[in-house]
Full PDB file with SEQRES, HELIX, SHEET, SSBOND, CRYST1, ORIGX, SCALE, CONECT and MASTER records, all heavy atoms in Angstrom:
SEQRES   1 A   28  LEU TRP ALA LEU HIS GLY HIS PHE TYR ASN PHE LYS SER          
SEQRES   2 A   28  TYR SER LEU LEU PHE ILE THR SER ALA LEU ILE CYS SER          
SEQRES   3 A   28  ALA GLY                                                      
HELIX    1 AA1 TRP A    2  HIS A    5  1                                   4    
HELIX    2 AA2 GLY A    6  PHE A    8  5                                   3    
HELIX    3 AA3 PHE A   11  ALA A   27  1                                  17    
CRYST1    1.000    1.000    1.000  90.00  90.00  90.00 P 1           1          
ORIGX1      1.000000  0.000000  0.000000        0.00000                         
ORIGX2      0.000000  1.000000  0.000000        0.00000                         
ORIGX3      0.000000  0.000000  1.000000        0.00000                         
SCALE1      1.000000  0.000000  0.000000        0.00000                         
SCALE2      0.000000  1.000000  0.000000        0.00000                         
SCALE3      0.000000  0.000000  1.000000        0.00000                         
ATOM      1  N   LEU A   1      45.587  48.347 120.406  1.00  0.00           N  
ATOM      2  CA  LEU A   1      45.995  47.692 119.151  1.00  0.00           C  
ATOM      3  C   LEU A   1      45.089  46.499 118.848  1.00  0.00           C  
ATOM      4  O   LEU A   1      44.741  46.252 117.692  1.00  0.00           O  
ATOM      5  CB  LEU A   1      47.459  47.250 119.233  1.00  0.00           C  
ATOM      6  CG  LEU A   1      48.493  48.378 119.261  1.00  0.00           C  
ATOM      7  CD1 LEU A   1      49.892  47.819 119.440  1.00  0.00           C  
ATOM      8  CD2 LEU A   1      48.425  49.210 117.974  1.00  0.00           C  
ATOM      9  N   TRP A   2      44.708  45.765 119.889  1.00  0.00           N  
ATOM     10  CA  TRP A   2      43.762  44.648 119.704  1.00  0.00           C  
ATOM     11  C   TRP A   2      42.421  45.166 119.202  1.00  0.00           C  
ATOM     12  O   TRP A   2      41.816  44.589 118.295  1.00  0.00           O  
ATOM     13  CB  TRP A   2      43.611  43.894 121.027  1.00  0.00           C  
ATOM     14  CG  TRP A   2      42.400  43.017 121.077  1.00  0.00           C  
ATOM     15  CD1 TRP A   2      42.241  41.802 120.470  1.00  0.00           C  
ATOM     16  CD2 TRP A   2      41.162  43.299 121.749  1.00  0.00           C  
ATOM     17  NE1 TRP A   2      40.974  41.307 120.736  1.00  0.00           N  
ATOM     18  CE2 TRP A   2      40.301  42.209 121.515  1.00  0.00           C  
ATOM     19  CE3 TRP A   2      40.709  44.364 122.531  1.00  0.00           C  
ATOM     20  CZ2 TRP A   2      39.012  42.166 122.041  1.00  0.00           C  
ATOM     21  CZ3 TRP A   2      39.429  44.321 123.052  1.00  0.00           C  
ATOM     22  CH2 TRP A   2      38.591  43.225 122.796  1.00  0.00           C  
ATOM     23  N   ALA A   3      41.935  46.262 119.805  1.00  0.00           N  
ATOM     24  CA  ALA A   3      40.649  46.835 119.385  1.00  0.00           C  
ATOM     25  C   ALA A   3      40.698  47.292 117.923  1.00  0.00           C  
ATOM     26  O   ALA A   3      39.728  47.133 117.176  1.00  0.00           O  
ATOM     27  CB  ALA A   3      40.278  48.002 120.294  1.00  0.00           C  
ATOM     28  N   LEU A   4      41.836  47.847 117.511  1.00  0.00           N  
ATOM     29  CA  LEU A   4      41.988  48.341 116.139  1.00  0.00           C  
ATOM     30  C   LEU A   4      42.182  47.224 115.117  1.00  0.00           C  
ATOM     31  O   LEU A   4      41.591  47.238 114.039  1.00  0.00           O  
ATOM     32  CB  LEU A   4      43.193  49.294 116.051  1.00  0.00           C  
ATOM     33  CG  LEU A   4      43.019  50.714 116.553  1.00  0.00           C  
ATOM     34  CD1 LEU A   4      44.369  51.430 116.556  1.00  0.00           C  
ATOM     35  CD2 LEU A   4      42.019  51.476 115.679  1.00  0.00           C  
ATOM     36  N   HIS A   5      43.018  46.258 115.476  1.00  0.00           N  
ATOM     37  CA  HIS A   5      43.471  45.280 114.473  1.00  0.00           C  
ATOM     38  C   HIS A   5      43.265  43.828 114.882  1.00  0.00           C  
ATOM     39  O   HIS A   5      43.722  42.927 114.180  1.00  0.00           O  
ATOM     40  CB  HIS A   5      44.963  45.498 114.179  1.00  0.00           C  
ATOM     41  CG  HIS A   5      45.265  46.830 113.577  1.00  0.00           C  
ATOM     42  ND1 HIS A   5      46.245  47.679 114.072  1.00  0.00           N  
ATOM     43  CD2 HIS A   5      44.697  47.474 112.526  1.00  0.00           C  
ATOM     44  CE1 HIS A   5      46.275  48.781 113.342  1.00  0.00           C  
ATOM     45  NE2 HIS A   5      45.358  48.693 112.400  1.00  0.00           N  
ATOM     46  N   GLY A   6      42.578  43.592 116.000  1.00  0.00           N  
ATOM     47  CA  GLY A   6      42.410  42.221 116.485  1.00  0.00           C  
ATOM     48  C   GLY A   6      41.728  41.288 115.513  1.00  0.00           C  
ATOM     49  O   GLY A   6      41.928  40.070 115.551  1.00  0.00           O  
ATOM     50  N   HIS A   7      40.906  41.856 114.599  1.00  0.00           N  
ATOM     51  CA  HIS A   7      40.233  40.996 113.607  1.00  0.00           C  
ATOM     52  C   HIS A   7      41.229  40.366 112.636  1.00  0.00           C  
ATOM     53  O   HIS A   7      40.883  39.435 111.914  1.00  0.00           O  
ATOM     54  CB  HIS A   7      39.158  41.789 112.852  1.00  0.00           C  
ATOM     55  CG  HIS A   7      39.644  43.058 112.233  1.00  0.00           C  
ATOM     56  ND1 HIS A   7      39.988  44.160 112.987  1.00  0.00           N  
ATOM     57  CD2 HIS A   7      39.849  43.417 110.940  1.00  0.00           C  
ATOM     58  CE1 HIS A   7      40.387  45.140 112.186  1.00  0.00           C  
ATOM     59  NE2 HIS A   7      40.319  44.707 110.944  1.00  0.00           N  
ATOM     60  N   PHE A   8      42.477  40.869 112.631  1.00  0.00           N  
ATOM     61  CA  PHE A   8      43.528  40.260 111.800  1.00  0.00           C  
ATOM     62  C   PHE A   8      44.304  39.182 112.559  1.00  0.00           C  
ATOM     63  O   PHE A   8      45.123  38.482 111.981  1.00  0.00           O  
ATOM     64  CB  PHE A   8      44.536  41.321 111.332  1.00  0.00           C  
ATOM     65  CG  PHE A   8      43.957  42.379 110.438  1.00  0.00           C  
ATOM     66  CD1 PHE A   8      44.149  43.719 110.719  1.00  0.00           C  
ATOM     67  CD2 PHE A   8      43.230  42.040 109.305  1.00  0.00           C  
ATOM     68  CE1 PHE A   8      43.627  44.713 109.900  1.00  0.00           C  
ATOM     69  CE2 PHE A   8      42.700  43.026 108.475  1.00  0.00           C  
ATOM     70  CZ  PHE A   8      42.906  44.366 108.776  1.00  0.00           C  
ATOM     71  N   TYR A   9      44.100  39.082 113.876  1.00  0.00           N  
ATOM     72  CA  TYR A   9      44.865  38.152 114.698  1.00  0.00           C  
ATOM     73  C   TYR A   9      44.262  36.751 114.653  1.00  0.00           C  
ATOM     74  O   TYR A   9      43.062  36.587 114.511  1.00  0.00           O  
ATOM     75  CB  TYR A   9      44.888  38.581 116.174  1.00  0.00           C  
ATOM     76  CG  TYR A   9      45.443  39.945 116.486  1.00  0.00           C  
ATOM     77  CD1 TYR A   9      45.226  40.522 117.737  1.00  0.00           C  
ATOM     78  CD2 TYR A   9      46.177  40.678 115.556  1.00  0.00           C  
ATOM     79  CE1 TYR A   9      45.735  41.774 118.067  1.00  0.00           C  
ATOM     80  CE2 TYR A   9      46.690  41.931 115.867  1.00  0.00           C  
ATOM     81  CZ  TYR A   9      46.452  42.483 117.128  1.00  0.00           C  
ATOM     82  OH  TYR A   9      46.950  43.722 117.451  1.00  0.00           O  
ATOM     83  N   ASN A  10      45.119  35.754 114.804  1.00  0.00           N  
ATOM     84  CA  ASN A  10      44.682  34.402 115.165  1.00  0.00           C  
ATOM     85  C   ASN A  10      45.763  33.798 116.055  1.00  0.00           C  
ATOM     86  O   ASN A  10      46.811  34.420 116.263  1.00  0.00           O  
ATOM     87  CB  ASN A  10      44.376  33.534 113.928  1.00  0.00           C  
ATOM     88  CG  ASN A  10      45.582  33.348 113.028  1.00  0.00           C  
ATOM     89  OD1 ASN A  10      46.672  33.020 113.486  1.00  0.00           O  
ATOM     90  ND2 ASN A  10      45.400  33.575 111.728  1.00  0.00           N  
ATOM     91  N   PHE A  11      45.512  32.625 116.589  1.00  0.00           N  
ATOM     92  CA  PHE A  11      46.457  32.030 117.538  1.00  0.00           C  
ATOM     93  C   PHE A  11      47.879  32.018 116.992  1.00  0.00           C  
ATOM     94  O   PHE A  11      48.817  32.497 117.618  1.00  0.00           O  
ATOM     95  CB  PHE A  11      46.052  30.585 117.887  1.00  0.00           C  
ATOM     96  CG  PHE A  11      44.697  30.438 118.501  1.00  0.00           C  
ATOM     97  CD1 PHE A  11      43.717  29.675 117.879  1.00  0.00           C  
ATOM     98  CD2 PHE A  11      44.387  31.052 119.702  1.00  0.00           C  
ATOM     99  CE1 PHE A  11      42.463  29.538 118.447  1.00  0.00           C  
ATOM    100  CE2 PHE A  11      43.147  30.916 120.284  1.00  0.00           C  
ATOM    101  CZ  PHE A  11      42.172  30.154 119.654  1.00  0.00           C  
ATOM    102  N   LYS A  12      48.012  31.451 115.803  1.00  0.00           N  
ATOM    103  CA  LYS A  12      49.339  31.215 115.241  1.00  0.00           C  
ATOM    104  C   LYS A  12      50.027  32.518 114.841  1.00  0.00           C  
ATOM    105  O   LYS A  12      51.177  32.765 115.219  1.00  0.00           O  
ATOM    106  CB  LYS A  12      49.213  30.278 114.023  1.00  0.00           C  
ATOM    107  CG  LYS A  12      50.553  29.818 113.473  1.00  0.00           C  
ATOM    108  CD  LYS A  12      50.333  28.831 112.327  1.00  0.00           C  
ATOM    109  CE  LYS A  12      51.659  28.403 111.725  1.00  0.00           C  
ATOM    110  NZ  LYS A  12      51.470  27.485 110.580  1.00  0.00           N  
ATOM    111  N   SER A  13      49.334  33.354 114.074  1.00  0.00           N  
ATOM    112  CA  SER A  13      49.978  34.560 113.546  1.00  0.00           C  
ATOM    113  C   SER A  13      50.369  35.525 114.663  1.00  0.00           C  
ATOM    114  O   SER A  13      51.470  36.082 114.661  1.00  0.00           O  
ATOM    115  CB  SER A  13      49.081  35.261 112.522  1.00  0.00           C  
ATOM    116  OG  SER A  13      47.918  35.793 113.129  1.00  0.00           O  
ATOM    117  N   TYR A  14      49.480  35.712 115.648  1.00  0.00           N  
ATOM    118  CA  TYR A  14      49.794  36.661 116.715  1.00  0.00           C  
ATOM    119  C   TYR A  14      50.932  36.139 117.597  1.00  0.00           C  
ATOM    120  O   TYR A  14      51.805  36.907 118.009  1.00  0.00           O  
ATOM    121  CB  TYR A  14      48.554  36.941 117.561  1.00  0.00           C  
ATOM    122  CG  TYR A  14      48.736  38.125 118.497  1.00  0.00           C  
ATOM    123  CD1 TYR A  14      48.503  39.425 118.059  1.00  0.00           C  
ATOM    124  CD2 TYR A  14      49.143  37.941 119.817  1.00  0.00           C  
ATOM    125  CE1 TYR A  14      48.666  40.511 118.906  1.00  0.00           C  
ATOM    126  CE2 TYR A  14      49.305  39.017 120.675  1.00  0.00           C  
ATOM    127  CZ  TYR A  14      49.068  40.296 120.216  1.00  0.00           C  
ATOM    128  OH  TYR A  14      49.244  41.367 121.062  1.00  0.00           O  
ATOM    129  N   SER A  15      50.917  34.830 117.857  1.00  0.00           N  
ATOM    130  CA  SER A  15      51.998  34.241 118.659  1.00  0.00           C  
ATOM    131  C   SER A  15      53.340  34.422 117.960  1.00  0.00           C  
ATOM    132  O   SER A  15      54.336  34.834 118.580  1.00  0.00           O  
ATOM    133  CB  SER A  15      51.742  32.748 118.900  1.00  0.00           C  
ATOM    134  OG  SER A  15      50.553  32.559 119.631  1.00  0.00           O  
ATOM    135  N   LEU A  16      53.374  34.108 116.664  1.00  0.00           N  
ATOM    136  CA  LEU A  16      54.623  34.246 115.908  1.00  0.00           C  
ATOM    137  C   LEU A  16      55.046  35.703 115.784  1.00  0.00           C  
ATOM    138  O   LEU A  16      56.241  36.022 115.851  1.00  0.00           O  
ATOM    139  CB  LEU A  16      54.473  33.619 114.518  1.00  0.00           C  
ATOM    140  CG  LEU A  16      54.378  32.094 114.483  1.00  0.00           C  
ATOM    141  CD1 LEU A  16      54.069  31.604 113.069  1.00  0.00           C  
ATOM    142  CD2 LEU A  16      55.680  31.455 114.980  1.00  0.00           C  
ATOM    143  N   LEU A  17      54.080  36.601 115.605  1.00  0.00           N  
ATOM    144  CA  LEU A  17      54.368  38.033 115.552  1.00  0.00           C  
ATOM    145  C   LEU A  17      54.989  38.494 116.866  1.00  0.00           C  
ATOM    146  O   LEU A  17      56.009  39.208 116.867  1.00  0.00           O  
ATOM    147  CB  LEU A  17      53.078  38.808 115.275  1.00  0.00           C  
ATOM    148  CG  LEU A  17      53.108  40.331 115.475  1.00  0.00           C  
ATOM    149  CD1 LEU A  17      54.076  40.989 114.508  1.00  0.00           C  
ATOM    150  CD2 LEU A  17      51.699  40.913 115.316  1.00  0.00           C  
ATOM    151  N   PHE A  18      54.391  38.096 117.968  1.00  0.00           N  
ATOM    152  CA  PHE A  18      54.879  38.506 119.286  1.00  0.00           C  
ATOM    153  C   PHE A  18      56.295  37.982 119.524  1.00  0.00           C  
ATOM    154  O   PHE A  18      57.193  38.729 119.929  1.00  0.00           O  
ATOM    155  CB  PHE A  18      53.939  37.999 120.381  1.00  0.00           C  
ATOM    156  CG  PHE A  18      54.254  38.549 121.741  1.00  0.00           C  
ATOM    157  CD1 PHE A  18      53.595  39.674 122.203  1.00  0.00           C  
ATOM    158  CD2 PHE A  18      55.213  37.952 122.548  1.00  0.00           C  
ATOM    159  CE1 PHE A  18      53.889  40.202 123.462  1.00  0.00           C  
ATOM    160  CE2 PHE A  18      55.529  38.469 123.794  1.00  0.00           C  
ATOM    161  CZ  PHE A  18      54.866  39.591 124.259  1.00  0.00           C  
ATOM    162  N   ILE A  19      56.491  36.690 119.258  1.00  0.00           N  
ATOM    163  CA  ILE A  19      57.804  36.065 119.491  1.00  0.00           C  
ATOM    164  C   ILE A  19      58.868  36.699 118.598  1.00  0.00           C  
ATOM    165  O   ILE A  19      59.978  37.023 119.059  1.00  0.00           O  
ATOM    166  CB  ILE A  19      57.719  34.541 119.249  1.00  0.00           C  
ATOM    167  CG1 ILE A  19      56.851  33.886 120.330  1.00  0.00           C  
ATOM    168  CG2 ILE A  19      59.106  33.911 119.223  1.00  0.00           C  
ATOM    169  CD1 ILE A  19      56.413  32.464 120.010  1.00  0.00           C  
ATOM    170  N   THR A  20      58.550  36.893 117.314  1.00  0.00           N  
ATOM    171  CA  THR A  20      59.507  37.479 116.378  1.00  0.00           C  
ATOM    172  C   THR A  20      59.888  38.896 116.800  1.00  0.00           C  
ATOM    173  O   THR A  20      61.074  39.251 116.843  1.00  0.00           O  
ATOM    174  CB  THR A  20      58.936  37.516 114.949  1.00  0.00           C  
ATOM    175  OG1 THR A  20      58.570  36.201 114.555  1.00  0.00           O  
ATOM    176  CG2 THR A  20      59.954  38.064 113.965  1.00  0.00           C  
ATOM    177  N   SER A  21      58.885  39.709 117.128  1.00  0.00           N  
ATOM    178  CA  SER A  21      59.151  41.091 117.538  1.00  0.00           C  
ATOM    179  C   SER A  21      59.988  41.126 118.820  1.00  0.00           C  
ATOM    180  O   SER A  21      60.919  41.928 118.945  1.00  0.00           O  
ATOM    181  CB  SER A  21      57.840  41.849 117.749  1.00  0.00           C  
ATOM    182  OG  SER A  21      57.100  41.932 116.556  1.00  0.00           O  
ATOM    183  N   ALA A  22      59.655  40.240 119.770  1.00  0.00           N  
ATOM    184  CA  ALA A  22      60.385  40.201 121.042  1.00  0.00           C  
ATOM    185  C   ALA A  22      61.844  39.813 120.839  1.00  0.00           C  
ATOM    186  O   ALA A  22      62.763  40.468 121.366  1.00  0.00           O  
ATOM    187  CB  ALA A  22      59.711  39.221 122.002  1.00  0.00           C  
ATOM    188  N   LEU A  23      62.086  38.764 120.059  1.00  0.00           N  
ATOM    189  CA  LEU A  23      63.446  38.267 119.884  1.00  0.00           C  
ATOM    190  C   LEU A  23      64.297  39.214 119.038  1.00  0.00           C  
ATOM    191  O   LEU A  23      65.487  39.422 119.326  1.00  0.00           O  
ATOM    192  CB  LEU A  23      63.423  36.864 119.275  1.00  0.00           C  
ATOM    193  CG  LEU A  23      62.810  35.765 120.155  1.00  0.00           C  
ATOM    194  CD1 LEU A  23      62.872  34.412 119.468  1.00  0.00           C  
ATOM    195  CD2 LEU A  23      63.495  35.706 121.524  1.00  0.00           C  
ATOM    196  N   ILE A  24      63.709  39.799 118.000  1.00  0.00           N  
ATOM    197  CA  ILE A  24      64.480  40.738 117.175  1.00  0.00           C  
ATOM    198  C   ILE A  24      64.742  42.025 117.943  1.00  0.00           C  
ATOM    199  O   ILE A  24      65.818  42.627 117.836  1.00  0.00           O  
ATOM    200  CB  ILE A  24      63.779  40.998 115.827  1.00  0.00           C  
ATOM    201  CG1 ILE A  24      63.886  39.732 114.963  1.00  0.00           C  
ATOM    202  CG2 ILE A  24      64.398  42.196 115.091  1.00  0.00           C  
ATOM    203  CD1 ILE A  24      63.254  39.819 113.603  1.00  0.00           C  
ATOM    204  N   CYS A  25      63.780  42.445 118.746  1.00  0.00           N  
ATOM    205  CA  CYS A  25      63.978  43.596 119.622  1.00  0.00           C  
ATOM    206  C   CYS A  25      65.180  43.354 120.542  1.00  0.00           C  
ATOM    207  O   CYS A  25      66.088  44.195 120.641  1.00  0.00           O  
ATOM    208  CB  CYS A  25      62.721  43.855 120.445  1.00  0.00           C  
ATOM    209  SG  CYS A  25      62.875  45.181 121.656  1.00  0.00           S  
ATOM    210  N   SER A  26      65.203  42.204 121.196  1.00  0.00           N  
ATOM    211  CA  SER A  26      66.294  41.877 122.114  1.00  0.00           C  
ATOM    212  C   SER A  26      67.626  41.717 121.378  1.00  0.00           C  
ATOM    213  O   SER A  26      68.666  42.172 121.861  1.00  0.00           O  
ATOM    214  CB  SER A  26      65.974  40.592 122.882  1.00  0.00           C  
ATOM    215  OG  SER A  26      64.895  40.803 123.763  1.00  0.00           O  
ATOM    216  N   ALA A  27      67.593  41.072 120.201  1.00  0.00           N  
ATOM    217  CA  ALA A  27      68.820  40.900 119.417  1.00  0.00           C  
ATOM    218  C   ALA A  27      69.382  42.253 118.981  1.00  0.00           C  
ATOM    219  O   ALA A  27      70.600  42.493 119.032  1.00  0.00           O  
ATOM    220  CB  ALA A  27      68.545  40.027 118.199  1.00  0.00           C  
ATOM    221  N   GLY A  28      68.489  43.161 118.565  1.00  0.00           N  
ATOM    222  CA  GLY A  28      68.919  44.500 118.173  1.00  0.00           C  
ATOM    223  C   GLY A  28      69.568  45.233 119.339  1.00  0.00           C  
ATOM    224  O   GLY A  28      70.623  45.869 119.182  1.00  0.00           O  
TER     225      GLY A  28                                                      
MASTER        0    0    0    3    0    0    0    6  224    1    0    3          
END                                                                             
């Protein structure tokens, strides 16, 4: 996924994406 889309990542957006996905996954 990094190889495919890593050019869209930055520190802030990827961190927030990871945290949001993790917490909503767990909440679900």
